[in-house]
Amino acid sequence: MTADAQPRGLVLVVEDEPAIADLVRRYLSRDGFGVHLERDGMAGLAAARRLRPVACVLDIALPGLTGTEICRRLREAGDWTPVIFLTARDDEVDRVVGLELGADDYVTKPFSPRELVARVRAVLRRTAGPPEVDRPRVVGRVTLDPVRRTVAVAGAPVQLTSTEFDLLAHLMARPGRVFTREELLAAVWGYAAHAGTRTVDVHVAQVRAKLGAASVIRTHRGVGYAADG
């Protein structure tokens, strides 16, 4: 089922529970998004490749392909469309695996549809980048361009999700300044600490892995994280 394209762009929702899928569709549509619904993983993956949505909302437990498998295949193909997972289980393993695969956020069922819409909007704001023009930031061998939203290590491009990019950009904008996990959740994700500070740890680990030996993020035990000064 497809809604007409609207100014905010098209969101792909892959959810096999009709009542939940319809609820998500109604709230996203009310907020000005076009919505395309699919009920199984294979159809969802095909729709993501065909429609090029501005964001994907994926249930983890889907028939055919799981939501995590859809995300994995998109990322392997170089598709960094923002992904938000829906999961019926309050299981840290599910969440961590999803984030490690390159998801941008997750919402645990039962959830507030208004919160889900807010999460989608927050991810898209991060993807759009800052409205003001800013010069590239260089720390060590890492160069981050906040306008083009690119990262390179010694000139070689590094692929980051929108959330990973914004986390690194926030730290590199204030080198040497130590941020608590709660501060990073508020500044980068746009929501309060009750969402779980483990999210920050997982994203930091992902950024470090992608930057390799050139990583500029340092852990300050008992406090939080900072970029090299």
N, C-alpha and C. Protein backbone atom coordinates (compact mmCIF):
# COMPACT_ATOMS: atom_id res chain seq x y z
N MET A 1 0.85 -1.18 0.00
CA MET A 1 0.00 0.00 0.00
C MET A 1 0.88 1.23 0.00
N THR A 2 0.58 2.22 -0.82
CA THR A 2 1.47 3.36 -0.96
C THR A 2 0.68 4.66 -0.82
N ALA A 3 1.24 5.58 -0.06
CA ALA A 3 0.67 6.92 0.02
C ALA A 3 1.38 7.79 -1.01
N ASP A 4 0.68 8.85 -1.46
CA ASP A 4 1.30 9.75 -2.43
C ASP A 4 2.52 10.41 -1.81
N ALA A 5 3.54 10.66 -2.65
CA ALA A 5 4.74 11.33 -2.18
C ALA A 5 4.38 12.71 -1.65
N GLN A 6 4.97 13.11 -0.52
CA GLN A 6 4.68 14.38 0.11
C GLN A 6 6.00 15.09 0.38
N PRO A 7 5.94 16.37 0.80
CA PRO A 7 7.16 17.17 0.89
C PRO A 7 8.27 16.58 1.75
N ARG A 8 7.95 15.87 2.81
CA ARG A 8 9.00 15.34 3.67
C ARG A 8 9.70 14.14 3.06
N GLY A 9 9.14 13.53 2.03
CA GLY A 9 9.76 12.38 1.41
C GLY A 9 9.05 11.08 1.77
N LEU A 10 9.48 10.00 1.13
CA LEU A 10 8.84 8.70 1.29
C LEU A 10 9.57 7.87 2.34
N VAL A 11 8.82 7.32 3.28
CA VAL A 11 9.37 6.41 4.30
C VAL A 11 8.87 5.00 4.00
N LEU A 12 9.79 4.05 3.96
CA LEU A 12 9.44 2.65 3.79
C LEU A 12 9.24 2.02 5.17
N VAL A 13 8.08 1.42 5.38
CA VAL A 13 7.77 0.74 6.64
C VAL A 13 7.58 -0.74 6.33
N VAL A 14 8.40 -1.59 6.94
CA VAL A 14 8.27 -3.04 6.75
C VAL A 14 7.88 -3.65 8.09
N GLU A 15 6.62 -4.03 8.19
CA GLU A 15 6.03 -4.51 9.45
C GLU A 15 4.93 -5.52 9.11
N ASP A 16 5.02 -6.73 9.70
CA ASP A 16 4.06 -7.77 9.33
C ASP A 16 2.80 -7.79 10.19
N GLU A 17 2.72 -6.95 11.22
CA GLU A 17 1.50 -6.86 12.01
C GLU A 17 0.65 -5.73 11.45
N PRO A 18 -0.49 -6.05 10.81
CA PRO A 18 -1.28 -5.03 10.11
C PRO A 18 -1.68 -3.85 10.99
N ALA A 19 -2.07 -4.11 12.24
CA ALA A 19 -2.53 -3.01 13.10
C ALA A 19 -1.40 -2.03 13.38
N ILE A 20 -0.19 -2.56 13.63
CA ILE A 20 0.96 -1.69 13.90
C ILE A 20 1.37 -0.95 12.64
N ALA A 21 1.38 -1.67 11.51
CA ALA A 21 1.76 -1.04 10.25
C ALA A 21 0.82 0.11 9.91
N ASP A 22 -0.47 -0.08 10.12
CA ASP A 22 -1.44 0.97 9.81
C ASP A 22 -1.29 2.15 10.75
N LEU A 23 -1.00 1.88 12.03
CA LEU A 23 -0.80 2.95 12.99
C LEU A 23 0.41 3.80 12.62
N VAL A 24 1.51 3.13 12.27
CA VAL A 24 2.71 3.85 11.87
C VAL A 24 2.44 4.67 10.61
N ARG A 25 1.76 4.06 9.65
CA ARG A 25 1.44 4.76 8.41
C ARG A 25 0.64 6.03 8.68
N ARG A 26 -0.40 5.91 9.52
CA ARG A 26 -1.26 7.06 9.79
C ARG A 26 -0.50 8.21 10.43
N TYR A 27 0.36 7.90 11.40
CA TYR A 27 1.08 8.97 12.09
C TYR A 27 2.15 9.60 11.21
N LEU A 28 2.84 8.79 10.41
CA LEU A 28 3.83 9.36 9.50
C LEU A 28 3.14 10.22 8.43
N SER A 29 2.01 9.73 7.91
CA SER A 29 1.28 10.49 6.89
C SER A 29 0.78 11.81 7.46
N ARG A 30 0.30 11.76 8.70
CA ARG A 30 -0.20 12.97 9.35
C ARG A 30 0.91 14.02 9.50
N ASP A 31 2.16 13.55 9.61
CA ASP A 31 3.29 14.46 9.76
C ASP A 31 3.86 14.91 8.42
N GLY A 32 3.24 14.49 7.31
CA GLY A 32 3.66 14.98 6.01
C GLY A 32 4.56 14.06 5.21
N PHE A 33 4.74 12.81 5.69
CA PHE A 33 5.55 11.85 4.95
C PHE A 33 4.69 11.03 4.01
N GLY A 34 5.25 10.67 2.86
CA GLY A 34 4.66 9.62 2.06
C GLY A 34 5.06 8.29 2.70
N VAL A 35 4.24 7.27 2.61
CA VAL A 35 4.53 5.99 3.27
C VAL A 35 4.26 4.84 2.32
N HIS A 36 5.21 3.91 2.24
CA HIS A 36 5.03 2.67 1.49
C HIS A 36 5.16 1.53 2.48
N LEU A 37 4.14 0.65 2.51
CA LEU A 37 4.13 -0.47 3.45
C LEU A 37 4.45 -1.78 2.75
N GLU A 38 5.27 -2.60 3.42
CA GLU A 38 5.49 -3.98 3.00
C GLU A 38 5.35 -4.86 4.23
N ARG A 39 5.01 -6.15 4.00
CA ARG A 39 4.71 -7.04 5.13
C ARG A 39 5.74 -8.14 5.33
N ASP A 40 6.69 -8.32 4.39
CA ASP A 40 7.70 -9.35 4.59
C ASP A 40 9.06 -8.83 4.14
N GLY A 41 10.11 -9.51 4.59
CA GLY A 41 11.46 -9.02 4.41
C GLY A 41 11.93 -8.93 2.97
N MET A 42 11.63 -9.94 2.16
CA MET A 42 12.08 -9.93 0.77
C MET A 42 11.45 -8.77 0.00
N ALA A 43 10.15 -8.58 0.22
CA ALA A 43 9.46 -7.47 -0.45
C ALA A 43 9.98 -6.13 0.06
N GLY A 44 10.31 -6.08 1.36
CA GLY A 44 10.84 -4.86 1.94
C GLY A 44 12.19 -4.49 1.35
N LEU A 45 13.07 -5.48 1.18
CA LEU A 45 14.38 -5.22 0.59
C LEU A 45 14.23 -4.74 -0.85
N ALA A 46 13.36 -5.39 -1.60
CA ALA A 46 13.14 -4.99 -3.00
C ALA A 46 12.60 -3.56 -3.07
N ALA A 47 11.69 -3.21 -2.15
CA ALA A 47 11.12 -1.86 -2.14
C ALA A 47 12.18 -0.82 -1.79
N ALA A 48 13.06 -1.16 -0.85
CA ALA A 48 14.12 -0.21 -0.46
C ALA A 48 15.03 0.08 -1.64
N ARG A 49 15.33 -0.96 -2.42
CA ARG A 49 16.21 -0.78 -3.58
C ARG A 49 15.50 -0.05 -4.72
N ARG A 50 14.20 -0.30 -4.86
CA ARG A 50 13.45 0.26 -5.98
C ARG A 50 13.02 1.71 -5.73
N LEU A 51 12.55 1.99 -4.51
CA LEU A 51 11.92 3.28 -4.23
C LEU A 51 12.88 4.34 -3.70
N ARG A 52 14.05 3.92 -3.18
CA ARG A 52 15.03 4.84 -2.61
C ARG A 52 14.37 5.79 -1.61
N PRO A 53 13.76 5.27 -0.54
CA PRO A 53 13.08 6.12 0.43
C PRO A 53 14.05 7.01 1.20
N VAL A 54 13.52 8.02 1.87
CA VAL A 54 14.38 8.88 2.69
C VAL A 54 14.76 8.19 3.99
N ALA A 55 13.96 7.20 4.42
CA ALA A 55 14.25 6.44 5.64
C ALA A 55 13.49 5.12 5.59
N CYS A 56 14.00 4.13 6.34
CA CYS A 56 13.35 2.83 6.44
C CYS A 56 13.03 2.54 7.91
N VAL A 57 11.80 2.12 8.17
CA VAL A 57 11.39 1.66 9.51
C VAL A 57 11.17 0.17 9.38
N LEU A 58 12.03 -0.63 10.02
CA LEU A 58 12.03 -2.07 9.83
C LEU A 58 11.75 -2.81 11.12
N ASP A 59 10.72 -3.67 11.09
CA ASP A 59 10.54 -4.60 12.20
C ASP A 59 11.70 -5.59 12.16
N ILE A 60 12.20 -6.02 13.30
CA ILE A 60 13.29 -6.99 13.30
C ILE A 60 12.79 -8.38 12.94
N ALA A 61 11.68 -8.79 13.54
CA ALA A 61 11.16 -10.14 13.32
C ALA A 61 10.17 -10.13 12.15
N LEU A 62 10.68 -10.42 10.94
CA LEU A 62 9.85 -10.41 9.73
C LEU A 62 9.91 -11.78 9.06
N PRO A 63 8.84 -12.17 8.38
CA PRO A 63 8.93 -13.39 7.56
C PRO A 63 9.81 -13.15 6.35
N GLY A 64 10.47 -14.18 5.88
CA GLY A 64 11.34 -14.05 4.70
C GLY A 64 12.73 -13.64 5.09
N LEU A 65 12.95 -12.37 5.26
CA LEU A 65 14.22 -11.82 5.75
C LEU A 65 13.94 -11.01 7.01
N THR A 66 14.82 -11.11 8.00
CA THR A 66 14.67 -10.28 9.18
C THR A 66 15.03 -8.84 8.86
N GLY A 67 14.61 -7.93 9.73
CA GLY A 67 14.97 -6.54 9.54
C GLY A 67 16.47 -6.33 9.58
N THR A 68 17.17 -7.06 10.45
CA THR A 68 18.62 -6.92 10.52
C THR A 68 19.29 -7.38 9.23
N GLU A 69 18.74 -8.42 8.60
CA GLU A 69 19.31 -8.90 7.34
C GLU A 69 19.08 -7.89 6.22
N ILE A 70 17.91 -7.25 6.22
CA ILE A 70 17.65 -6.20 5.23
C ILE A 70 18.69 -5.09 5.38
N CYS A 71 18.90 -4.66 6.63
CA CYS A 71 19.88 -3.60 6.89
C CYS A 71 21.27 -4.03 6.44
N ARG A 72 21.65 -5.26 6.77
CA ARG A 72 22.99 -5.75 6.41
C ARG A 72 23.19 -5.71 4.90
N ARG A 73 22.19 -6.17 4.15
CA ARG A 73 22.31 -6.19 2.69
C ARG A 73 22.36 -4.79 2.09
N LEU A 74 21.59 -3.87 2.65
CA LEU A 74 21.64 -2.49 2.17
C LEU A 74 23.02 -1.89 2.40
N ARG A 75 23.55 -2.08 3.60
CA ARG A 75 24.86 -1.50 3.91
C ARG A 75 25.96 -2.13 3.07
N GLU A 76 25.88 -3.43 2.86
CA GLU A 76 26.90 -4.09 2.03
C GLU A 76 26.88 -3.57 0.60
N ALA A 77 25.71 -3.11 0.15
CA ALA A 77 25.57 -2.57 -1.21
C ALA A 77 25.90 -1.07 -1.26
N GLY A 78 26.34 -0.52 -0.13
CA GLY A 78 26.68 0.90 -0.10
C GLY A 78 25.49 1.82 0.05
N ASP A 79 24.34 1.27 0.46
CA ASP A 79 23.13 2.06 0.67
C ASP A 79 23.07 2.46 2.14
N TRP A 80 23.20 3.77 2.41
CA TRP A 80 23.23 4.27 3.78
C TRP A 80 21.96 5.04 4.13
N THR A 81 20.85 4.65 3.50
CA THR A 81 19.55 5.21 3.88
C THR A 81 19.34 5.01 5.38
N PRO A 82 18.92 6.04 6.11
CA PRO A 82 18.70 5.89 7.54
C PRO A 82 17.72 4.75 7.86
N VAL A 83 18.07 3.93 8.86
CA VAL A 83 17.26 2.78 9.26
C VAL A 83 16.91 2.89 10.74
N ILE A 84 15.63 2.74 11.04
CA ILE A 84 15.16 2.67 12.42
C ILE A 84 14.50 1.31 12.60
N PHE A 85 14.94 0.57 13.62
CA PHE A 85 14.39 -0.76 13.88
C PHE A 85 13.23 -0.70 14.86
N LEU A 86 12.24 -1.57 14.64
CA LEU A 86 11.18 -1.85 15.60
C LEU A 86 11.41 -3.26 16.13
N THR A 87 11.39 -3.43 17.43
CA THR A 87 11.54 -4.77 17.99
C THR A 87 10.55 -4.99 19.12
N ALA A 88 9.96 -6.19 19.16
CA ALA A 88 8.99 -6.52 20.21
C ALA A 88 9.69 -6.92 21.49
N ARG A 89 10.99 -7.15 21.42
CA ARG A 89 11.72 -7.62 22.59
C ARG A 89 12.62 -6.54 23.15
N ASP A 90 12.56 -6.37 24.47
CA ASP A 90 13.46 -5.42 25.12
C ASP A 90 14.77 -6.14 25.38
N ASP A 91 15.44 -6.48 24.30
CA ASP A 91 16.62 -7.33 24.33
C ASP A 91 17.82 -6.54 23.85
N GLU A 92 18.78 -6.33 24.74
CA GLU A 92 19.95 -5.54 24.38
C GLU A 92 20.72 -6.16 23.22
N VAL A 93 20.74 -7.49 23.14
CA VAL A 93 21.46 -8.14 22.05
C VAL A 93 20.89 -7.73 20.71
N ASP A 94 19.56 -7.75 20.58
CA ASP A 94 18.92 -7.32 19.33
C ASP A 94 19.32 -5.90 18.97
N ARG A 95 19.27 -5.02 19.96
CA ARG A 95 19.56 -3.61 19.69
C ARG A 95 21.01 -3.43 19.27
N VAL A 96 21.91 -4.06 20.01
CA VAL A 96 23.34 -3.90 19.71
C VAL A 96 23.67 -4.45 18.34
N VAL A 97 23.14 -5.63 18.01
CA VAL A 97 23.39 -6.22 16.69
C VAL A 97 22.89 -5.29 15.59
N GLY A 98 21.70 -4.73 15.79
CA GLY A 98 21.16 -3.80 14.80
C GLY A 98 22.03 -2.59 14.61
N LEU A 99 22.50 -2.01 15.71
CA LEU A 99 23.36 -0.83 15.62
C LEU A 99 24.69 -1.17 14.97
N GLU A 100 25.22 -2.34 15.29
CA GLU A 100 26.50 -2.74 14.70
C GLU A 100 26.39 -2.94 13.19
N LEU A 101 25.20 -3.29 12.72
CA LEU A 101 24.99 -3.46 11.28
C LEU A 101 24.82 -2.12 10.56
N GLY A 102 24.71 -1.05 11.31
CA GLY A 102 24.61 0.26 10.68
C GLY A 102 23.26 0.93 10.83
N ALA A 103 22.40 0.42 11.73
CA ALA A 103 21.12 1.10 11.97
C ALA A 103 21.38 2.43 12.67
N ASP A 104 20.46 3.37 12.49
CA ASP A 104 20.60 4.69 13.08
C ASP A 104 19.89 4.82 14.41
N ASP A 105 18.85 4.02 14.63
CA ASP A 105 18.08 4.12 15.87
C ASP A 105 17.20 2.88 15.99
N TYR A 106 16.54 2.73 17.13
CA TYR A 106 15.61 1.63 17.33
C TYR A 106 14.52 2.07 18.28
N VAL A 107 13.35 1.44 18.17
CA VAL A 107 12.22 1.70 19.06
C VAL A 107 11.68 0.35 19.51
N THR A 108 11.48 0.19 20.81
CA THR A 108 11.00 -1.08 21.36
C THR A 108 9.48 -1.07 21.50
N LYS A 109 8.82 -2.12 21.02
CA LYS A 109 7.37 -2.26 21.18
C LYS A 109 7.05 -2.65 22.62
N PRO A 110 5.93 -2.18 23.17
CA PRO A 110 5.01 -1.19 22.58
C PRO A 110 5.64 0.20 22.61
N PHE A 111 5.32 1.01 21.59
CA PHE A 111 5.95 2.32 21.48
C PHE A 111 4.89 3.38 21.20
N SER A 112 5.27 4.61 21.46
CA SER A 112 4.41 5.74 21.13
C SER A 112 4.61 6.08 19.66
N PRO A 113 3.56 6.09 18.85
CA PRO A 113 3.75 6.45 17.44
C PRO A 113 4.28 7.87 17.27
N ARG A 114 3.95 8.75 18.20
CA ARG A 114 4.50 10.11 18.14
C ARG A 114 6.01 10.09 18.35
N GLU A 115 6.47 9.22 19.26
CA GLU A 115 7.92 9.12 19.48
C GLU A 115 8.60 8.58 18.23
N LEU A 116 8.00 7.59 17.59
CA LEU A 116 8.59 7.04 16.37
C LEU A 116 8.72 8.12 15.30
N VAL A 117 7.68 8.92 15.11
CA VAL A 117 7.74 10.00 14.13
C VAL A 117 8.85 10.98 14.50
N ALA A 118 8.98 11.28 15.79
CA ALA A 118 10.03 12.19 16.23
C ALA A 118 11.41 11.60 15.95
N ARG A 119 11.56 10.29 16.13
CA ARG A 119 12.85 9.64 15.84
C ARG A 119 13.18 9.73 14.35
N VAL A 120 12.17 9.50 13.50
CA VAL A 120 12.38 9.59 12.05
C VAL A 120 12.82 11.00 11.68
N ARG A 121 12.12 12.00 12.22
CA ARG A 121 12.47 13.38 11.90
C ARG A 121 13.87 13.73 12.39
N ALA A 122 14.24 13.23 13.57
CA ALA A 122 15.57 13.52 14.12
C ALA A 122 16.66 12.92 13.24
N VAL A 123 16.45 11.68 12.79
CA VAL A 123 17.44 11.03 11.92
C VAL A 123 17.58 11.80 10.62
N LEU A 124 16.48 12.27 10.06
CA LEU A 124 16.53 13.00 8.80
C LEU A 124 17.18 14.37 8.97
N ARG A 125 16.98 15.00 10.12
CA ARG A 125 17.67 16.27 10.37
C ARG A 125 19.17 16.06 10.40
N ARG A 126 19.58 14.97 11.04
CA ARG A 126 21.02 14.68 11.09
C ARG A 126 21.56 14.40 9.69
N THR A 127 20.80 13.68 8.89
CA THR A 127 21.24 13.35 7.54
C THR A 127 21.37 14.60 6.68
N ALA A 128 20.47 15.57 6.90
CA ALA A 128 20.49 16.80 6.10
C ALA A 128 21.71 17.65 6.41
N GLY A 129 22.28 17.46 7.57
CA GLY A 129 23.48 18.21 7.93
C GLY A 129 23.15 19.60 8.45
N PRO A 130 24.16 20.34 8.91
CA PRO A 130 23.94 21.66 9.47
C PRO A 130 23.57 22.68 8.41
N PRO A 131 22.67 23.63 8.72
CA PRO A 131 22.27 24.60 7.72
C PRO A 131 23.38 25.60 7.40
N GLU A 132 24.28 25.85 8.35
CA GLU A 132 25.31 26.85 8.11
C GLU A 132 26.52 26.22 7.41
N VAL A 133 27.28 27.09 6.68
CA VAL A 133 28.49 26.63 6.03
C VAL A 133 29.59 26.52 7.07
N ASP A 134 30.32 25.43 7.05
CA ASP A 134 31.39 25.23 8.01
C ASP A 134 32.59 24.65 7.28
N ARG A 135 33.76 24.96 7.78
CA ARG A 135 34.97 24.46 7.15
C ARG A 135 35.26 23.04 7.60
N PRO A 136 35.98 22.27 6.78
CA PRO A 136 36.36 20.92 7.18
C PRO A 136 37.17 20.94 8.47
N ARG A 137 37.01 19.89 9.25
CA ARG A 137 37.75 19.76 10.51
C ARG A 137 38.78 18.66 10.34
N VAL A 138 39.99 18.92 10.81
CA VAL A 138 41.06 17.95 10.68
C VAL A 138 41.63 17.66 12.07
N VAL A 139 41.62 16.39 12.44
CA VAL A 139 42.25 15.95 13.69
C VAL A 139 43.12 14.74 13.33
N GLY A 140 44.40 14.87 13.50
CA GLY A 140 45.30 13.79 13.11
C GLY A 140 45.19 13.52 11.63
N ARG A 141 44.92 12.27 11.27
CA ARG A 141 44.78 11.90 9.86
C ARG A 141 43.33 11.92 9.40
N VAL A 142 42.42 12.31 10.30
CA VAL A 142 40.98 12.30 9.99
C VAL A 142 40.52 13.69 9.56
N THR A 143 39.87 13.74 8.40
CA THR A 143 39.27 14.99 7.90
C THR A 143 37.77 14.80 7.80
N LEU A 144 37.02 15.71 8.41
CA LEU A 144 35.56 15.65 8.39
C LEU A 144 35.04 16.94 7.78
N ASP A 145 34.22 16.79 6.73
CA ASP A 145 33.62 17.94 6.05
C ASP A 145 32.14 18.00 6.43
N PRO A 146 31.73 18.94 7.29
CA PRO A 146 30.33 18.99 7.74
C PRO A 146 29.35 19.44 6.68
N VAL A 147 29.84 20.07 5.61
CA VAL A 147 28.94 20.50 4.54
C VAL A 147 28.66 19.35 3.57
N ARG A 148 29.72 18.70 3.12
CA ARG A 148 29.55 17.55 2.22
C ARG A 148 29.21 16.27 2.98
N ARG A 149 29.35 16.31 4.30
CA ARG A 149 29.09 15.16 5.17
C ARG A 149 29.95 13.97 4.76
N THR A 150 31.23 14.24 4.63
CA THR A 150 32.19 13.19 4.27
C THR A 150 33.28 13.10 5.33
N VAL A 151 33.84 11.89 5.44
CA VAL A 151 34.96 11.65 6.35
C VAL A 151 36.03 10.90 5.57
N ALA A 152 37.28 11.27 5.80
CA ALA A 152 38.39 10.59 5.12
C ALA A 152 39.53 10.40 6.11
N VAL A 153 40.25 9.30 5.93
CA VAL A 153 41.47 9.03 6.69
C VAL A 153 42.62 9.07 5.71
N ALA A 154 43.51 10.04 5.89
CA ALA A 154 44.65 10.24 4.98
C ALA A 154 44.18 10.28 3.52
N GLY A 155 43.04 10.92 3.28
CA GLY A 155 42.51 11.08 1.94
C GLY A 155 41.62 9.97 1.45
N ALA A 156 41.57 8.84 2.16
CA ALA A 156 40.73 7.70 1.76
C ALA A 156 39.35 7.83 2.41
N PRO A 157 38.28 7.81 1.60
CA PRO A 157 36.94 8.00 2.17
C PRO A 157 36.53 6.87 3.11
N VAL A 158 35.78 7.24 4.15
CA VAL A 158 35.26 6.29 5.14
C VAL A 158 33.74 6.42 5.16
N GLN A 159 33.04 5.31 5.02
CA GLN A 159 31.58 5.32 5.01
C GLN A 159 31.05 5.24 6.43
N LEU A 160 30.29 6.28 6.84
CA LEU A 160 29.65 6.29 8.15
C LEU A 160 28.15 6.44 7.97
N THR A 161 27.37 5.88 8.88
CA THR A 161 25.94 6.15 8.89
C THR A 161 25.74 7.61 9.30
N SER A 162 24.52 8.13 9.12
CA SER A 162 24.26 9.52 9.48
C SER A 162 24.50 9.76 10.96
N THR A 163 24.12 8.79 11.80
CA THR A 163 24.30 8.94 13.23
C THR A 163 25.78 8.87 13.61
N GLU A 164 26.51 7.94 13.01
CA GLU A 164 27.94 7.85 13.27
C GLU A 164 28.64 9.14 12.86
N PHE A 165 28.26 9.69 11.72
CA PHE A 165 28.85 10.94 11.25
C PHE A 165 28.60 12.05 12.26
N ASP A 166 27.36 12.18 12.72
CA ASP A 166 27.03 13.28 13.63
C ASP A 166 27.70 13.13 14.98
N LEU A 167 27.88 11.90 15.43
CA LEU A 167 28.59 11.67 16.68
C LEU A 167 30.05 12.14 16.54
N LEU A 168 30.70 11.72 15.46
CA LEU A 168 32.09 12.11 15.23
C LEU A 168 32.20 13.62 15.04
N ALA A 169 31.27 14.21 14.28
CA ALA A 169 31.30 15.65 14.03
C ALA A 169 31.15 16.43 15.33
N HIS A 170 30.26 15.97 16.19
CA HIS A 170 30.03 16.66 17.46
C HIS A 170 31.30 16.64 18.32
N LEU A 171 31.98 15.51 18.36
CA LEU A 171 33.20 15.40 19.15
C LEU A 171 34.34 16.22 18.53
N MET A 172 34.49 16.13 17.20
CA MET A 172 35.59 16.83 16.53
C MET A 172 35.39 18.35 16.52
N ALA A 173 34.15 18.81 16.67
CA ALA A 173 33.90 20.25 16.69
C ALA A 173 34.45 20.89 17.97
N ARG A 174 34.66 20.05 19.00
CA ARG A 174 35.17 20.55 20.28
C ARG A 174 36.28 19.63 20.77
N PRO A 175 37.39 19.58 20.05
CA PRO A 175 38.46 18.65 20.41
C PRO A 175 38.95 18.87 21.84
N GLY A 176 39.15 17.76 22.56
CA GLY A 176 39.62 17.83 23.94
C GLY A 176 38.51 17.96 24.95
N ARG A 177 37.32 18.35 24.53
CA ARG A 177 36.19 18.51 25.44
C ARG A 177 35.57 17.14 25.70
N VAL A 178 35.42 16.76 26.98
CA VAL A 178 34.86 15.45 27.33
C VAL A 178 33.35 15.57 27.48
N PHE A 179 32.62 14.73 26.71
CA PHE A 179 31.16 14.70 26.79
C PHE A 179 30.71 13.44 27.52
N THR A 180 29.74 13.59 28.39
CA THR A 180 29.14 12.41 29.01
C THR A 180 28.25 11.72 27.99
N ARG A 181 27.92 10.47 28.25
CA ARG A 181 27.03 9.74 27.35
C ARG A 181 25.66 10.42 27.28
N GLU A 182 25.20 10.94 28.41
CA GLU A 182 23.91 11.61 28.43
C GLU A 182 23.93 12.87 27.57
N GLU A 183 25.05 13.61 27.60
CA GLU A 183 25.16 14.80 26.76
C GLU A 183 25.16 14.43 25.29
N LEU A 184 25.83 13.34 24.94
CA LEU A 184 25.87 12.92 23.54
C LEU A 184 24.51 12.44 23.07
N LEU A 185 23.78 11.73 23.92
CA LEU A 185 22.43 11.30 23.55
C LEU A 185 21.55 12.51 23.24
N ALA A 186 21.63 13.52 24.09
CA ALA A 186 20.80 14.71 23.89
C ALA A 186 21.21 15.47 22.64
N ALA A 187 22.54 15.63 22.43
CA ALA A 187 23.03 16.45 21.33
C ALA A 187 22.93 15.77 19.97
N VAL A 188 23.23 14.46 19.92
CA VAL A 188 23.30 13.75 18.64
C VAL A 188 21.99 13.04 18.31
N TRP A 189 21.42 12.35 19.30
CA TRP A 189 20.19 11.60 19.04
C TRP A 189 18.95 12.44 19.27
N GLY A 190 19.07 13.44 20.11
CA GLY A 190 17.94 14.34 20.35
C GLY A 190 16.93 13.82 21.34
N TYR A 191 17.32 12.88 22.18
CA TYR A 191 16.40 12.43 23.22
C TYR A 191 17.15 12.13 24.51
N ALA A 192 16.39 11.91 25.57
CA ALA A 192 16.97 11.85 26.91
C ALA A 192 17.61 10.51 27.21
N ALA A 193 18.32 10.48 28.34
CA ALA A 193 19.14 9.33 28.71
C ALA A 193 18.34 8.06 28.97
N HIS A 194 17.03 8.18 29.18
CA HIS A 194 16.26 6.96 29.44
C HIS A 194 16.29 6.02 28.24
N ALA A 195 16.69 6.54 27.08
CA ALA A 195 16.76 5.69 25.89
C ALA A 195 17.88 4.66 26.00
N GLY A 196 18.85 4.89 26.89
CA GLY A 196 19.90 3.90 27.09
C GLY A 196 21.24 4.36 26.57
N THR A 197 22.20 4.57 27.48
CA THR A 197 23.50 5.08 27.07
C THR A 197 24.33 4.03 26.34
N ARG A 198 23.92 2.76 26.36
CA ARG A 198 24.62 1.73 25.61
C ARG A 198 24.64 2.07 24.12
N THR A 199 23.62 2.76 23.66
CA THR A 199 23.57 3.20 22.27
C THR A 199 24.82 4.01 21.90
N VAL A 200 25.24 4.90 22.78
CA VAL A 200 26.42 5.72 22.53
C VAL A 200 27.66 4.84 22.42
N ASP A 201 27.81 3.91 23.35
CA ASP A 201 28.98 3.03 23.36
C ASP A 201 29.10 2.24 22.05
N VAL A 202 27.98 1.72 21.58
CA VAL A 202 27.99 0.92 20.36
C VAL A 202 28.40 1.78 19.17
N HIS A 203 27.85 2.98 19.07
CA HIS A 203 28.20 3.85 17.95
C HIS A 203 29.66 4.29 18.00
N VAL A 204 30.15 4.58 19.19
CA VAL A 204 31.57 4.93 19.32
C VAL A 204 32.44 3.78 18.84
N ALA A 205 32.09 2.55 19.24
CA ALA A 205 32.86 1.38 18.82
C ALA A 205 32.84 1.23 17.31
N GLN A 206 31.70 1.49 16.69
CA GLN A 206 31.60 1.39 15.23
C GLN A 206 32.46 2.44 14.53
N VAL A 207 32.43 3.67 15.03
CA VAL A 207 33.24 4.72 14.42
C VAL A 207 34.72 4.39 14.55
N ARG A 208 35.11 3.94 15.73
CA ARG A 208 36.51 3.57 15.93
C ARG A 208 36.94 2.46 14.98
N ALA A 209 36.08 1.47 14.81
CA ALA A 209 36.42 0.35 13.93
C ALA A 209 36.61 0.84 12.50
N LYS A 210 35.78 1.77 12.06
CA LYS A 210 35.86 2.26 10.68
C LYS A 210 37.07 3.18 10.47
N LEU A 211 37.44 3.92 11.50
CA LEU A 211 38.61 4.80 11.38
C LEU A 211 39.91 4.03 11.60
N GLY A 212 39.82 2.88 12.24
CA GLY A 212 41.01 2.05 12.47
C GLY A 212 42.02 2.74 13.36
N ALA A 213 43.29 2.59 13.03
CA ALA A 213 44.37 3.15 13.84
C ALA A 213 44.33 4.68 13.88
N ALA A 214 43.59 5.28 12.95
CA ALA A 214 43.52 6.75 12.91
C ALA A 214 42.43 7.31 13.82
N SER A 215 41.71 6.44 14.55
CA SER A 215 40.60 6.91 15.39
C SER A 215 41.04 8.02 16.31
N VAL A 216 40.20 9.06 16.40
CA VAL A 216 40.52 10.22 17.23
C VAL A 216 39.68 10.28 18.49
N ILE A 217 38.82 9.26 18.71
CA ILE A 217 37.94 9.27 19.88
C ILE A 217 38.63 8.58 21.05
N ARG A 218 38.63 9.24 22.19
CA ARG A 218 39.23 8.69 23.39
C ARG A 218 38.19 8.50 24.48
N THR A 219 38.32 7.40 25.22
CA THR A 219 37.43 7.13 26.34
C THR A 219 38.00 7.73 27.62
N HIS A 220 37.16 8.43 28.35
CA HIS A 220 37.54 8.94 29.67
C HIS A 220 36.70 8.17 30.69
N ARG A 221 37.31 7.20 31.30
CA ARG A 221 36.60 6.26 32.18
C ARG A 221 35.82 7.00 33.26
N GLY A 222 34.58 6.57 33.40
CA GLY A 222 33.72 7.16 34.42
C GLY A 222 33.13 8.48 34.01
N VAL A 223 33.50 8.99 32.83
CA VAL A 223 32.97 10.29 32.38
C VAL A 223 32.28 10.15 31.02
N GLY A 224 33.08 9.89 29.97
CA GLY A 224 32.48 9.81 28.64
C GLY A 224 33.54 9.74 27.56
N TYR A 225 33.33 10.56 26.49
CA TYR A 225 34.22 10.49 25.32
C TYR A 225 34.64 11.89 24.89
N ALA A 226 35.82 11.92 24.22
CA ALA A 226 36.32 13.17 23.66
C ALA A 226 37.12 12.86 22.40
N ALA A 227 37.21 13.86 21.51
CA ALA A 227 38.09 13.75 20.35
C ALA A 227 39.44 14.32 20.74
N ASP A 228 40.49 13.79 20.10
CA ASP A 228 41.83 14.32 20.37
C ASP A 228 41.88 15.82 20.13
N GLY A 229 42.63 16.50 20.96
CA GLY A 229 42.77 17.95 20.82
C GLY A 229 43.88 18.31 19.84
